[in-house]
Amino acid sequence: MSEDTTKAPEAEQLVRPSVPALDKVLGVKFDVLDDGFVRLVDYMGSDAAIVQAARVSYGKGTKKTSQDRGLIRYLLRHRHTTPFEMCEIKLHVRVPMDCWRQWIRHRTANVNEYSTRYSIAIDAAQQTEPSQWRRQAPGNKQGSKGFIDPGDGELLSKREREIQDASREVYQERLDAGVSREQARKDLPLATYTEAYWKIDLHNLLHFLSLRMDDHAQMEIREYAKLIGYEIVSQWCPIVWEAFLDYNMEKLVLSRLEIDIVGAIGRGDKQRAIEMATGFGWLKRGEKGLLRHRERNEFEQKLKQLNLPIPWKE
């Protein structure tokens, strides 16, 4: 029998990519709210990994940073999302349970949460300063606008502490009496902090940030999202972060209807702009003038951003 001289191919020597700016904050706790935090546990990939994935069909490609920047911006601009999935990040977060309910709705991450069936609940609950009680927004059922008078807030904050202290006392009494942890916890307030490990790829993380950094998001989760974005993602993938701000957070989207009206305004045809808005049902009137119309109101804000006149208000 002849000797088999076939040799296994040698493994390509690879160096694990690292981001020095991000390595400096590995394990560092960034404080959020009164007792929450975000801590970077691990990460994989960088701006370079996105470029590598996008160019895999024709080898390593260019190594020029300017061309890498152009490619990343092109990918994000045209929603070619797969290369961004090559980057992943793992965070350790401490967050109030009511905020965590919104967070966990993003079902595109790997999550392992602190269990109050196995362990005693974290002895901390988010507390509100007297000046930070927000009013219900009149035109948005799920949002807030403005603040309660701090004088009234003093009583609200006092009552908040009483409820939290009482619920914790009852919880501890149940544990001391031998009640199971899974049942003893049932009356803890939603303000109680929980902790979790949260691992997500960059594409889905950007989607999370686009929703939770938005001005319409609840303030508490917005604080977490802004910290993750500006303190972590901006250091991890700075080219992606710049493009994300340009093409997502700071973009201005116009619908077909809005483009038509902007075109009429640009031509100086105020009457045509009004006719189109009327045809869209935007300018219906009541006894006190124009009726509230959410789409029209949003478009008026866009016109202000563009420094263009609002035809029906001149």
Protein backbone atom coordinates (compact mmCIF):
# COMPACT_ATOMS: atom_id res chain seq x y z
CA MET A 1 0.00 0.00 0.00
CA SER A 2 1.42 3.35 -1.01
CA GLU A 3 1.94 5.96 1.69
CA ASP A 4 -0.57 8.81 1.69
CA THR A 5 1.46 11.97 1.34
CA THR A 6 -1.53 14.33 1.33
CA LYS A 7 -1.05 17.09 3.89
CA ALA A 8 -3.78 18.96 5.66
CA PRO A 9 -3.81 22.65 4.74
CA GLU A 10 -2.14 24.92 7.22
CA ALA A 11 -4.46 27.12 9.25
CA GLU A 12 -4.38 30.78 8.33
CA GLN A 13 -2.91 32.80 11.16
CA LEU A 14 -5.45 35.38 12.23
CA VAL A 15 -5.25 38.11 14.82
CA ARG A 16 -8.41 38.79 16.78
CA PRO A 17 -9.47 42.37 15.96
CA SER A 18 -9.57 44.73 18.92
CA VAL A 19 -10.60 48.32 19.46
CA PRO A 20 -8.22 50.02 21.95
CA ALA A 21 -10.73 52.75 22.84
CA LEU A 22 -13.29 50.10 23.77
CA ASP A 23 -10.81 47.89 25.59
CA LYS A 24 -10.26 50.77 28.01
CA VAL A 25 -13.87 50.58 29.23
CA LEU A 26 -14.27 46.79 29.42
CA GLY A 27 -15.86 46.09 32.80
CA VAL A 28 -16.38 49.77 33.61
CA LYS A 29 -19.82 50.57 35.02
CA PHE A 30 -21.55 53.57 33.48
CA ASP A 31 -24.15 54.92 35.90
CA VAL A 32 -27.71 55.44 34.66
CA LEU A 33 -30.67 56.89 36.60
CA ASP A 34 -30.28 56.71 40.38
CA ASP A 35 -29.04 53.12 40.79
CA GLY A 36 -28.78 51.58 37.32
CA PHE A 37 -25.76 50.91 35.18
CA VAL A 38 -24.47 49.59 31.86
CA ARG A 39 -21.24 47.58 31.79
CA LEU A 40 -19.42 46.34 28.69
CA VAL A 41 -18.61 42.64 29.11
CA ASP A 42 -17.29 41.63 25.68
CA TYR A 43 -17.42 42.51 21.99
CA MET A 44 -16.59 41.02 18.61
CA GLY A 45 -15.69 42.90 15.45
CA SER A 46 -15.23 46.54 14.53
CA ASP A 47 -15.66 48.85 11.56
CA ALA A 48 -13.07 46.69 9.81
CA ALA A 49 -15.13 43.52 10.31
CA ILE A 50 -18.06 45.10 8.49
CA VAL A 51 -15.84 46.04 5.56
CA GLN A 52 -14.31 42.56 5.52
CA ALA A 53 -17.74 40.91 5.43
CA ALA A 54 -18.97 43.21 2.67
CA ARG A 55 -15.91 42.47 0.51
CA VAL A 56 -15.66 38.74 1.18
CA SER A 57 -16.63 37.92 -2.40
CA TYR A 58 -13.45 39.43 -3.80
CA GLY A 59 -10.83 39.06 -1.10
CA LYS A 60 -9.42 41.55 1.35
CA GLY A 61 -9.96 44.56 -0.88
CA THR A 62 -8.62 47.98 -0.03
CA LYS A 63 -7.18 48.95 3.33
CA LYS A 64 -7.69 52.67 2.90
CA THR A 65 -9.75 54.15 5.71
CA SER A 66 -11.39 56.66 3.38
CA GLN A 67 -12.66 53.86 1.15
CA ASP A 68 -13.80 51.85 4.18
CA ARG A 69 -15.77 54.86 5.38
CA GLY A 70 -17.39 55.28 1.98
CA LEU A 71 -18.39 51.61 1.87
CA ILE A 72 -19.87 51.59 5.38
CA ARG A 73 -21.86 54.73 4.67
CA TYR A 74 -23.11 53.20 1.41
CA LEU A 75 -24.18 50.00 3.18
CA LEU A 76 -26.07 51.87 5.89
CA ARG A 77 -27.56 54.38 3.48
CA HIS A 78 -28.96 51.64 1.24
CA ARG A 79 -29.94 49.32 4.12
CA HIS A 80 -27.56 46.49 3.26
CA THR A 81 -27.71 45.19 6.81
CA THR A 82 -26.04 41.76 6.77
CA PRO A 83 -22.41 42.99 7.17
CA PHE A 84 -23.40 44.81 10.38
CA GLU A 85 -24.48 41.48 11.86
CA MET A 86 -20.81 40.43 11.89
CA CYS A 87 -20.28 42.62 14.96
CA GLU A 88 -21.65 41.65 18.37
CA ILE A 89 -21.56 43.16 21.82
CA LYS A 90 -22.43 41.85 25.28
CA LEU A 91 -23.58 44.20 28.01
CA HIS A 92 -24.41 43.77 31.68
CA VAL A 93 -27.27 46.10 32.54
CA ARG A 94 -29.10 47.07 35.71
CA VAL A 95 -32.48 48.59 34.92
CA PRO A 96 -35.90 49.16 36.58
CA MET A 97 -38.40 46.43 35.73
CA ASP A 98 -40.90 48.79 34.08
CA CYS A 99 -38.14 50.03 31.78
CA TRP A 100 -36.96 46.45 31.22
CA ARG A 101 -40.43 45.53 29.96
CA GLN A 102 -39.91 47.91 27.03
CA TRP A 103 -36.31 46.79 26.55
CA ILE A 104 -37.16 43.08 26.31
CA ARG A 105 -39.71 43.75 23.55
CA HIS A 106 -36.71 43.89 21.22
CA ARG A 107 -36.61 40.16 20.54
CA THR A 108 -33.37 40.24 18.54
CA ALA A 109 -30.89 39.68 21.35
CA ASN A 110 -29.65 36.86 23.57
CA VAL A 111 -30.73 37.54 27.15
CA ASN A 112 -30.09 36.01 30.55
CA GLU A 113 -31.84 37.87 33.35
CA TYR A 114 -31.40 37.82 37.11
CA SER A 115 -34.00 35.40 38.50
CA THR A 116 -36.04 36.24 41.57
CA ARG A 117 -37.12 32.59 41.72
CA TYR A 118 -33.55 31.51 42.45
CA SER A 119 -32.24 34.63 44.19
CA ILE A 120 -33.55 37.30 46.53
CA ALA A 121 -34.74 40.36 44.61
CA ILE A 122 -32.29 43.22 44.29
CA ASP A 123 -32.80 45.59 47.19
CA ALA A 124 -33.07 48.73 45.13
CA ALA A 125 -35.92 50.56 43.42
CA GLN A 126 -35.81 53.58 41.17
CA GLN A 127 -36.80 56.76 43.00
CA THR A 128 -38.07 60.00 41.51
CA GLU A 129 -36.88 63.44 42.49
CA PRO A 130 -39.69 65.92 43.33
CA SER A 131 -38.86 67.98 40.23
CA GLN A 132 -38.90 64.96 37.89
CA TRP A 133 -42.57 63.90 37.98
CA ARG A 134 -43.77 64.25 34.39
CA ARG A 135 -47.23 65.27 33.24
CA GLN A 136 -49.31 63.16 30.88
CA ALA A 137 -49.03 64.49 27.32
CA PRO A 138 -52.44 65.81 26.19
CA GLY A 139 -52.12 64.53 22.61
CA ASN A 140 -50.17 61.34 23.21
CA LYS A 141 -51.66 58.59 25.36
CA GLN A 142 -48.33 56.85 25.92
CA GLY A 143 -46.12 59.91 26.40
CA SER A 144 -45.39 62.73 28.78
CA LYS A 145 -44.87 66.47 28.43
CA GLY A 146 -43.67 68.92 31.02
CA PHE A 147 -43.36 68.42 34.77
CA ILE A 148 -45.53 68.54 37.87
CA ASP A 149 -44.84 71.46 40.21
CA PRO A 150 -41.89 70.46 42.48
CA GLY A 151 -43.96 71.45 45.51
CA ASP A 152 -46.54 68.82 44.63
CA GLY A 153 -43.70 66.49 43.68
CA GLU A 154 -42.45 66.50 47.28
CA LEU A 155 -45.55 64.61 48.40
CA LEU A 156 -45.41 62.27 45.41
CA SER A 157 -41.79 61.37 46.13
CA LYS A 158 -42.56 60.86 49.83
CA ARG A 159 -45.43 58.51 49.01
CA GLU A 160 -43.23 56.69 46.51
CA ARG A 161 -40.65 55.94 49.19
CA GLU A 162 -43.36 54.76 51.57
CA ILE A 163 -44.76 52.32 49.02
CA GLN A 164 -41.34 50.98 48.11
CA ASP A 165 -40.27 50.57 51.74
CA ALA A 166 -43.54 48.87 52.68
CA SER A 167 -43.44 46.44 49.76
CA ARG A 168 -39.85 45.51 50.56
CA GLU A 169 -40.75 44.98 54.20
CA VAL A 170 -43.66 42.69 53.27
CA TYR A 171 -41.42 40.81 50.83
CA GLN A 172 -38.82 40.20 53.56
CA GLU A 173 -41.54 39.11 56.02
CA ARG A 174 -42.69 36.47 53.54
CA LEU A 175 -39.15 35.18 53.03
CA ASP A 176 -38.59 35.03 56.81
CA ALA A 177 -41.86 33.10 57.17
CA GLY A 178 -40.61 30.51 54.69
CA VAL A 179 -42.67 31.58 51.69
CA SER A 180 -41.09 30.57 48.39
CA ARG A 181 -39.14 33.25 46.54
CA GLU A 182 -41.26 32.81 43.43
CA GLN A 183 -44.39 33.78 45.39
CA ALA A 184 -42.95 36.22 47.88
CA ARG A 185 -41.92 38.54 45.04
CA LYS A 186 -45.37 39.09 43.54
CA ASP A 187 -46.07 42.46 45.19
CA LEU A 188 -42.71 44.08 44.52
CA PRO A 189 -43.11 47.35 42.56
CA LEU A 190 -42.13 47.71 38.91
CA ALA A 191 -39.54 50.24 40.07
CA THR A 192 -37.46 47.34 41.47
CA TYR A 193 -34.16 46.98 39.64
CA THR A 194 -33.31 43.83 37.71
CA GLU A 195 -30.06 42.82 36.01
CA ALA A 196 -29.34 40.99 32.79
CA TYR A 197 -26.67 40.05 30.31
CA TRP A 198 -27.73 41.30 26.88
CA LYS A 199 -25.88 40.22 23.71
CA ILE A 200 -26.87 41.66 20.36
CA ASP A 201 -25.42 42.19 16.90
CA LEU A 202 -24.72 45.69 15.63
CA HIS A 203 -27.52 45.74 13.05
CA ASN A 204 -30.20 45.00 15.65
CA LEU A 205 -28.50 47.24 18.21
CA LEU A 206 -28.76 50.19 15.82
CA HIS A 207 -32.47 49.46 15.39
CA PHE A 208 -32.88 49.41 19.18
CA LEU A 209 -31.04 52.73 19.48
CA SER A 210 -33.01 54.37 16.67
CA LEU A 211 -36.25 53.71 18.57
CA ARG A 212 -35.07 54.20 22.14
CA MET A 213 -32.92 57.31 21.58
CA ASP A 214 -35.80 59.02 19.83
CA ASP A 215 -37.38 61.98 21.61
CA HIS A 216 -40.69 60.10 21.73
CA ALA A 217 -39.22 57.21 23.77
CA GLN A 218 -39.76 57.10 27.53
CA MET A 219 -37.12 59.14 29.32
CA GLU A 220 -35.78 56.26 31.45
CA ILE A 221 -34.99 53.90 28.58
CA ARG A 222 -33.79 56.84 26.50
CA GLU A 223 -31.09 57.48 29.11
CA TYR A 224 -29.84 53.90 28.73
CA ALA A 225 -29.94 54.04 24.94
CA LYS A 226 -28.06 57.34 24.77
CA LEU A 227 -25.37 56.02 27.08
CA ILE A 228 -24.94 52.82 25.05
CA GLY A 229 -24.79 54.82 21.83
CA TYR A 230 -22.57 57.74 22.77
CA GLU A 231 -20.29 56.02 25.31
CA ILE A 232 -19.92 52.54 23.80
CA VAL A 233 -20.98 52.22 20.16
CA SER A 234 -19.29 55.50 19.19
CA GLN A 235 -15.99 54.09 20.51
CA TRP A 236 -16.54 50.59 19.14
CA CYS A 237 -17.43 51.43 15.51
CA PRO A 238 -16.90 55.19 15.03
CA ILE A 239 -17.45 55.13 11.26
CA VAL A 240 -20.74 53.26 11.68
CA TRP A 241 -21.79 55.61 14.48
CA GLU A 242 -21.18 58.69 12.34
CA ALA A 243 -23.21 57.18 9.48
CA PHE A 244 -25.97 56.08 11.88
CA LEU A 245 -26.40 59.63 13.17
CA ASP A 246 -26.38 61.05 9.64
CA TYR A 247 -28.73 58.56 8.01
CA ASN A 248 -30.97 57.61 10.89
CA MET A 249 -31.13 59.85 13.95
CA GLU A 250 -30.65 63.14 12.11
CA LYS A 251 -32.36 62.32 8.84
CA LEU A 252 -35.54 63.89 7.50
CA VAL A 253 -37.97 61.54 5.76
CA LEU A 254 -40.60 62.87 3.38
CA SER A 255 -43.60 60.84 2.19
CA ARG A 256 -44.84 61.03 -1.40
CA LEU A 257 -47.55 63.46 -0.31
CA GLU A 258 -45.04 65.66 1.48
CA ILE A 259 -42.67 65.66 -1.51
CA ASP A 260 -45.51 66.91 -3.72
CA ILE A 261 -46.30 69.80 -1.37
CA VAL A 262 -42.61 70.69 -0.93
CA GLY A 263 -42.34 70.75 -4.72
CA ALA A 264 -45.25 73.21 -4.95
CA ILE A 265 -43.70 75.39 -2.25
CA GLY A 266 -40.40 75.33 -4.11
CA ARG A 267 -42.15 76.52 -7.27
CA GLY A 268 -43.79 79.32 -5.33
CA ASP A 269 -47.23 77.82 -5.95
CA LYS A 270 -48.81 78.36 -2.54
CA GLN A 271 -52.36 77.76 -3.80
CA ARG A 272 -51.45 74.37 -5.26
CA ALA A 273 -49.81 73.36 -1.97
CA ILE A 274 -53.01 74.26 -0.10
CA GLU A 275 -55.15 72.38 -2.62
CA MET A 276 -53.07 69.24 -2.21
CA ALA A 277 -53.14 69.45 1.58
CA THR A 278 -56.91 69.87 1.41
CA GLY A 279 -57.18 66.84 -0.87
CA PHE A 280 -55.14 64.80 1.63
CA GLY A 281 -57.69 65.68 4.34
CA TRP A 282 -55.17 67.73 6.32
CA LEU A 283 -57.06 71.03 6.46
CA LYS A 284 -60.47 70.15 7.89
CA ARG A 285 -61.86 72.93 10.05
CA GLY A 286 -64.00 73.13 13.12
CA GLU A 287 -65.48 76.01 15.07
CA LYS A 288 -62.06 77.00 16.47
CA GLY A 289 -60.11 76.64 13.23
CA LEU A 290 -58.04 73.79 11.82
CA LEU A 291 -58.78 70.46 13.44
CA ARG A 292 -55.89 68.54 14.94
CA HIS A 293 -54.22 66.27 12.38
CA ARG A 294 -51.13 64.31 13.43
CA GLU A 295 -49.67 63.82 9.95
CA ARG A 296 -50.09 67.50 9.10
CA ASN A 297 -48.53 68.54 12.41
CA GLU A 298 -45.51 66.31 11.79
CA PHE A 299 -45.11 67.74 8.28
CA GLU A 300 -45.25 71.28 9.61
CA GLN A 301 -42.31 70.46 11.89
CA LYS A 302 -40.39 69.20 8.86
CA LEU A 303 -41.08 72.44 7.00
CA LYS A 304 -39.71 74.38 9.97
CA GLN A 305 -36.55 72.26 9.88
CA LEU A 306 -36.17 73.06 6.18
CA ASN A 307 -36.87 76.74 6.85
CA LEU A 308 -39.80 76.62 4.42
CA PRO A 309 -43.12 78.46 4.84
CA ILE A 310 -46.29 76.65 5.91
CA PRO A 311 -48.71 77.72 3.14
CA TRP A 312 -51.96 77.41 5.13
CA LYS A 313 -50.57 79.43 8.04
CA GLU A 314 -49.31 82.48 6.15
